[in-house]
Amino acid sequence: MKTKIALFLGLMFVANVSYADDLKIGFVNIPAVLEKAPQAEKAKKRLEQKFSPRDKQLVAQGKEIQSMEEKLTKDASVMSASEKANLEKEIQNKKRDAKRSQQEFSEDFNASRNEELGKLQRRIVEAVRAIAKDEEYDLLLTEGVIYAKEQIDITAQVQKKLATMPE
């Protein structure tokens, strides 16, 4: 009985070793692909184009509040109590509005950025899968890899594939 178990384990070991010789493994450095993908640059430009007017508006609001505060400190001694109170109230209201606008801007920007990032990540996965299928990889790793030889690193191939993919 022990002989049969030993023989079985020996055959399993030999089978695994011979299969491992045929195993084709690759590695993709996703952060490097994200950094150099042409789609990432286009997404960044789209975000800038979409949010630049609102950003300029927020900056203008901030400058307006700052000038009102400067006026208050400069002219407070010559203002009547009601004028001073009205100006302080107006400054507080504008600060509240600016804070709300800034928060909305941040939320909208983050949502759009995450959407663009999601699109790009789906494109990367498409490219990786296409390469894996075309070149008959058995296993492609992306994260959690401590070391990978250059022979199995297909990051450059993925970047080239992304460059040829339509937007």
C-alpha atoms as a PDB file:
ATOM      1  CA  MET A   1       0.000   0.000   0.000  1.00  0.00           C
ATOM      2  CA  LYS A   2       2.808   2.417   0.911  1.00  0.00           C
ATOM      3  CA  THR A   3       4.526   1.577  -2.341  1.00  0.00           C
ATOM      4  CA  LYS A   4       1.407   2.464  -4.336  1.00  0.00           C
ATOM      5  CA  ILE A   5       1.051   5.804  -2.529  1.00  0.00           C
ATOM      6  CA  ALA A   6       4.729   6.601  -3.078  1.00  0.00           C
ATOM      7  CA  LEU A   7       4.422   5.653  -6.773  1.00  0.00           C
ATOM      8  CA  PHE A   8       1.288   7.798  -7.129  1.00  0.00           C
ATOM      9  CA  LEU A   9       2.948  10.808  -5.465  1.00  0.00           C
ATOM     10  CA  GLY A  10       6.050  10.329  -7.596  1.00  0.00           C
ATOM     11  CA  LEU A  11       3.973  10.302 -10.792  1.00  0.00           C
ATOM     12  CA  MET A  12       2.081  13.417  -9.685  1.00  0.00           C
ATOM     13  CA  PHE A  13       5.376  15.194  -9.000  1.00  0.00           C
ATOM     14  CA  VAL A  14       6.801  14.233 -12.409  1.00  0.00           C
ATOM     15  CA  ALA A  15       3.566  15.308 -14.127  1.00  0.00           C
ATOM     16  CA  ASN A  16       3.616  18.679 -12.366  1.00  0.00           C
ATOM     17  CA  VAL A  17       7.273  19.286 -13.199  1.00  0.00           C
ATOM     18  CA  SER A  18       6.747  18.468 -16.875  1.00  0.00           C
ATOM     19  CA  TYR A  19       3.651  20.691 -17.037  1.00  0.00           C
ATOM     20  CA  ALA A  20       5.526  23.541 -15.351  1.00  0.00           C
ATOM     21  CA  ASP A  21       8.064  23.485 -18.178  1.00  0.00           C
ATOM     22  CA  ASP A  22       5.273  24.276 -20.648  1.00  0.00           C
ATOM     23  CA  LEU A  23       3.671  26.950 -18.470  1.00  0.00           C
ATOM     24  CA  LYS A  24       3.888  30.448 -19.992  1.00  0.00           C
ATOM     25  CA  ILE A  25       3.802  33.154 -17.336  1.00  0.00           C
ATOM     26  CA  GLY A  26       3.903  36.927 -17.761  1.00  0.00           C
ATOM     27  CA  PHE A  27       3.843  40.043 -15.622  1.00  0.00           C
ATOM     28  CA  VAL A  28       2.287  43.478 -16.235  1.00  0.00           C
ATOM     29  CA  ASN A  29       3.216  46.564 -14.211  1.00  0.00           C
ATOM     30  CA  ILE A  30      -0.201  48.267 -14.204  1.00  0.00           C
ATOM     31  CA  PRO A  31       0.934  51.549 -12.545  1.00  0.00           C
ATOM     32  CA  ALA A  32       3.561  51.975 -15.275  1.00  0.00           C
ATOM     33  CA  VAL A  33       0.951  51.288 -17.957  1.00  0.00           C
ATOM     34  CA  LEU A  34      -1.447  53.800 -16.376  1.00  0.00           C
ATOM     35  CA  GLU A  35       1.285  56.413 -16.241  1.00  0.00           C
ATOM     36  CA  LYS A  36       2.316  56.094 -19.891  1.00  0.00           C
ATOM     37  CA  ALA A  37      -1.007  55.258 -21.553  1.00  0.00           C
ATOM     38  CA  PRO A  38      -1.970  57.775 -24.244  1.00  0.00           C
ATOM     39  CA  GLN A  39      -5.568  57.448 -23.061  1.00  0.00           C
ATOM     40  CA  ALA A  40      -4.498  58.732 -19.623  1.00  0.00           C
ATOM     41  CA  GLU A  41      -3.184  61.965 -21.112  1.00  0.00           C
ATOM     42  CA  LYS A  42      -6.384  62.432 -23.129  1.00  0.00           C
ATOM     43  CA  ALA A  43      -8.487  61.780 -20.038  1.00  0.00           C
ATOM     44  CA  LYS A  44      -6.461  64.353 -18.104  1.00  0.00           C
ATOM     45  CA  LYS A  45      -7.035  66.937 -20.832  1.00  0.00           C
ATOM     46  CA  ARG A  46     -10.768  66.173 -20.892  1.00  0.00           C
ATOM     47  CA  LEU A  47     -10.943  66.679 -17.128  1.00  0.00           C
ATOM     48  CA  GLU A  48      -9.023  69.949 -17.338  1.00  0.00           C
ATOM     49  CA  GLN A  49     -11.269  71.170 -20.133  1.00  0.00           C
ATOM     50  CA  LYS A  50     -14.414  70.201 -18.254  1.00  0.00           C
ATOM     51  CA  PHE A  51     -13.433  71.617 -14.858  1.00  0.00           C
ATOM     52  CA  SER A  52     -11.217  74.579 -15.737  1.00  0.00           C
ATOM     53  CA  PRO A  53     -14.099  77.112 -15.932  1.00  0.00           C
ATOM     54  CA  ARG A  54     -15.443  76.079 -12.534  1.00  0.00           C
ATOM     55  CA  ASP A  55     -11.947  76.200 -11.038  1.00  0.00           C
ATOM     56  CA  LYS A  56     -11.473  79.745 -12.357  1.00  0.00           C
ATOM     57  CA  GLN A  57     -14.861  80.692 -10.924  1.00  0.00           C
ATOM     58  CA  LEU A  58     -13.835  79.370  -7.494  1.00  0.00           C
ATOM     59  CA  VAL A  59     -10.588  81.329  -7.645  1.00  0.00           C
ATOM     60  CA  ALA A  60     -12.535  84.477  -8.540  1.00  0.00           C
ATOM     61  CA  GLN A  61     -14.901  83.882  -5.610  1.00  0.00           C
ATOM     62  CA  GLY A  62     -11.928  83.580  -3.289  1.00  0.00           C
ATOM     63  CA  LYS A  63     -10.407  86.819  -4.569  1.00  0.00           C
ATOM     64  CA  GLU A  64     -13.733  88.606  -4.176  1.00  0.00           C
ATOM     65  CA  ILE A  65     -14.037  87.442  -0.559  1.00  0.00           C
ATOM     66  CA  GLN A  66     -10.458  88.470   0.123  1.00  0.00           C
ATOM     67  CA  SER A  67     -11.018  91.958  -1.297  1.00  0.00           C
ATOM     68  CA  MET A  68     -14.205  92.341   0.760  1.00  0.00           C
ATOM     69  CA  GLU A  69     -12.309  91.334   3.907  1.00  0.00           C
ATOM     70  CA  GLU A  70      -9.560  93.829   3.079  1.00  0.00           C
ATOM     71  CA  LYS A  71     -12.183  96.539   2.595  1.00  0.00           C
ATOM     72  CA  LEU A  72     -13.729  95.650   5.946  1.00  0.00           C
ATOM     73  CA  THR A  73     -10.416  95.904   7.804  1.00  0.00           C
ATOM     74  CA  LYS A  74      -9.408  99.075   5.975  1.00  0.00           C
ATOM     75  CA  ASP A  75     -12.722 100.934   6.173  1.00  0.00           C
ATOM     76  CA  ALA A  76     -14.133  99.529   9.426  1.00  0.00           C
ATOM     77  CA  SER A  77     -13.292 102.682  11.367  1.00  0.00           C
ATOM     78  CA  VAL A  78     -15.214 104.949   8.976  1.00  0.00           C
ATOM     79  CA  MET A  79     -18.210 102.620   8.465  1.00  0.00           C
ATOM     80  CA  SER A  80     -21.411 102.854  10.413  1.00  0.00           C
ATOM     81  CA  ALA A  81     -22.280  99.901  12.613  1.00  0.00           C
ATOM     82  CA  SER A  82     -25.038  98.740  10.245  1.00  0.00           C
ATOM     83  CA  GLU A  83     -22.755  98.988   7.167  1.00  0.00           C
ATOM     84  CA  LYS A  84     -20.104  97.033   8.994  1.00  0.00           C
ATOM     85  CA  ALA A  85     -22.606  94.375  10.104  1.00  0.00           C
ATOM     86  CA  ASN A  86     -24.028  94.099   6.574  1.00  0.00           C
ATOM     87  CA  LEU A  87     -20.576  93.688   5.067  1.00  0.00           C
ATOM     88  CA  GLU A  88     -19.622  91.064   7.656  1.00  0.00           C
ATOM     89  CA  LYS A  89     -22.845  89.179   6.942  1.00  0.00           C
ATOM     90  CA  GLU A  90     -22.241  89.389   3.192  1.00  0.00           C
ATOM     91  CA  ILE A  91     -18.686  88.061   3.669  1.00  0.00           C
ATOM     92  CA  GLN A  92     -19.982  85.146   5.761  1.00  0.00           C
ATOM     93  CA  ASN A  93     -22.611  84.320   3.123  1.00  0.00           C
ATOM     94  CA  LYS A  94     -20.046  84.435   0.332  1.00  0.00           C
ATOM     95  CA  LYS A  95     -17.651  82.242   2.343  1.00  0.00           C
ATOM     96  CA  ARG A  96     -20.448  79.713   2.920  1.00  0.00           C
ATOM     97  CA  ASP A  97     -21.340  79.731  -0.784  1.00  0.00           C
ATOM     98  CA  ALA A  98     -17.693  79.382  -1.763  1.00  0.00           C
ATOM     99  CA  LYS A  99     -17.207  76.467   0.611  1.00  0.00           C
ATOM    100  CA  ARG A 100     -20.305  74.733  -0.773  1.00  0.00           C
ATOM    101  CA  SER A 101     -19.170  75.378  -4.349  1.00  0.00           C
ATOM    102  CA  GLN A 102     -15.698  74.036  -3.556  1.00  0.00           C
ATOM    103  CA  GLN A 103     -17.169  70.877  -2.041  1.00  0.00           C
ATOM    104  CA  GLU A 104     -19.459  70.321  -5.046  1.00  0.00           C
ATOM    105  CA  PHE A 105     -16.532  70.925  -7.374  1.00  0.00           C
ATOM    106  CA  SER A 106     -14.399  68.370  -5.511  1.00  0.00           C
ATOM    107  CA  GLU A 107     -17.169  65.772  -5.549  1.00  0.00           C
ATOM    108  CA  ASP A 108     -17.877  66.283  -9.261  1.00  0.00           C
ATOM    109  CA  PHE A 109     -14.180  66.245 -10.138  1.00  0.00           C
ATOM    110  CA  ASN A 110     -13.545  63.054  -8.148  1.00  0.00           C
ATOM    111  CA  ALA A 111     -16.549  61.326  -9.717  1.00  0.00           C
ATOM    112  CA  SER A 112     -15.403  62.268 -13.227  1.00  0.00           C
ATOM    113  CA  ARG A 113     -11.817  61.290 -12.486  1.00  0.00           C
ATOM    114  CA  ASN A 114     -12.930  57.905 -11.152  1.00  0.00           C
ATOM    115  CA  GLU A 115     -15.100  57.389 -14.230  1.00  0.00           C
ATOM    116  CA  GLU A 116     -12.181  58.179 -16.545  1.00  0.00           C
ATOM    117  CA  LEU A 117      -9.888  55.927 -14.531  1.00  0.00           C
ATOM    118  CA  GLY A 118     -12.417  53.110 -14.722  1.00  0.00           C
ATOM    119  CA  LYS A 119     -12.590  53.450 -18.515  1.00  0.00           C
ATOM    120  CA  LEU A 120      -8.815  53.378 -18.746  1.00  0.00           C
ATOM    121  CA  GLN A 121      -8.543  50.347 -16.472  1.00  0.00           C
ATOM    122  CA  ARG A 122     -11.086  48.498 -18.632  1.00  0.00           C
ATOM    123  CA  ARG A 123      -8.991  49.342 -21.717  1.00  0.00           C
ATOM    124  CA  ILE A 124      -5.875  48.021 -20.003  1.00  0.00           C
ATOM    125  CA  VAL A 125      -7.638  44.786 -19.077  1.00  0.00           C
ATOM    126  CA  GLU A 126      -8.801  44.431 -22.697  1.00  0.00           C
ATOM    127  CA  ALA A 127      -5.230  44.913 -23.919  1.00  0.00           C
ATOM    128  CA  VAL A 128      -3.801  42.449 -21.389  1.00  0.00           C
ATOM    129  CA  ARG A 129      -6.412  39.828 -22.278  1.00  0.00           C
ATOM    130  CA  ALA A 130      -5.785  40.283 -25.995  1.00  0.00           C
ATOM    131  CA  ILE A 131      -2.042  39.795 -25.522  1.00  0.00           C
ATOM    132  CA  ALA A 132      -2.617  36.787 -23.254  1.00  0.00           C
ATOM    133  CA  LYS A 133      -4.888  35.199 -25.830  1.00  0.00           C
ATOM    134  CA  ASP A 134      -2.726  36.055 -28.868  1.00  0.00           C
ATOM    135  CA  GLU A 135       0.496  34.855 -27.274  1.00  0.00           C
ATOM    136  CA  GLU A 136      -1.094  31.944 -25.405  1.00  0.00           C
ATOM    137  CA  TYR A 137      -0.115  32.884 -21.868  1.00  0.00           C
ATOM    138  CA  ASP A 138      -1.225  30.482 -19.157  1.00  0.00           C
ATOM    139  CA  LEU A 139      -0.914  33.064 -16.385  1.00  0.00           C
ATOM    140  CA  LEU A 140      -0.486  36.847 -16.289  1.00  0.00           C
ATOM    141  CA  LEU A 141       0.190  38.554 -12.967  1.00  0.00           C
ATOM    142  CA  THR A 142      -0.336  42.228 -12.211  1.00  0.00           C
ATOM    143  CA  GLU A 143      -0.157  43.026  -8.514  1.00  0.00           C
ATOM    144  CA  GLY A 144       1.612  41.591  -5.528  1.00  0.00           C
ATOM    145  CA  VAL A 145       4.688  40.588  -7.510  1.00  0.00           C
ATOM    146  CA  ILE A 146       7.922  41.256  -5.705  1.00  0.00           C
ATOM    147  CA  TYR A 147      10.248  40.259  -8.511  1.00  0.00           C
ATOM    148  CA  ALA A 148       9.815  39.427 -12.191  1.00  0.00           C
ATOM    149  CA  LYS A 149      12.490  38.753 -14.805  1.00  0.00           C
ATOM    150  CA  GLU A 150      12.521  41.031 -17.809  1.00  0.00           C
ATOM    151  CA  GLN A 151      11.742  38.045 -20.045  1.00  0.00           C
ATOM    152  CA  ILE A 152       8.279  37.695 -18.525  1.00  0.00           C
ATOM    153  CA  ASP A 153       7.531  41.430 -18.135  1.00  0.00           C
ATOM    154  CA  ILE A 154       5.075  42.329 -20.897  1.00  0.00           C
ATOM    155  CA  THR A 155       4.381  45.881 -19.695  1.00  0.00           C
ATOM    156  CA  ALA A 156       5.903  47.410 -22.842  1.00  0.00           C
ATOM    157  CA  GLN A 157       3.736  45.165 -25.025  1.00  0.00           C
ATOM    158  CA  VAL A 158       0.624  46.297 -23.181  1.00  0.00           C
ATOM    159  CA  GLN A 159       1.631  49.936 -23.649  1.00  0.00           C
ATOM    160  CA  LYS A 160       2.102  49.370 -27.387  1.00  0.00           C
ATOM    161  CA  LYS A 161      -1.248  47.597 -27.609  1.00  0.00           C
ATOM    162  CA  LEU A 162      -2.967  50.495 -25.812  1.00  0.00           C
ATOM    163  CA  ALA A 163      -1.431  52.958 -28.244  1.00  0.00           C
ATOM    164  CA  THR A 164      -3.050  51.105 -31.141  1.00  0.00           C
ATOM    165  CA  MET A 165      -6.459  50.751 -29.508  1.00  0.00           C
ATOM    166  CA  PRO A 166      -9.175  53.222 -30.513  1.00  0.00           C
ATOM    167  CA  GLU A 167     -10.395  55.720 -27.949  1.00  0.00           C
END
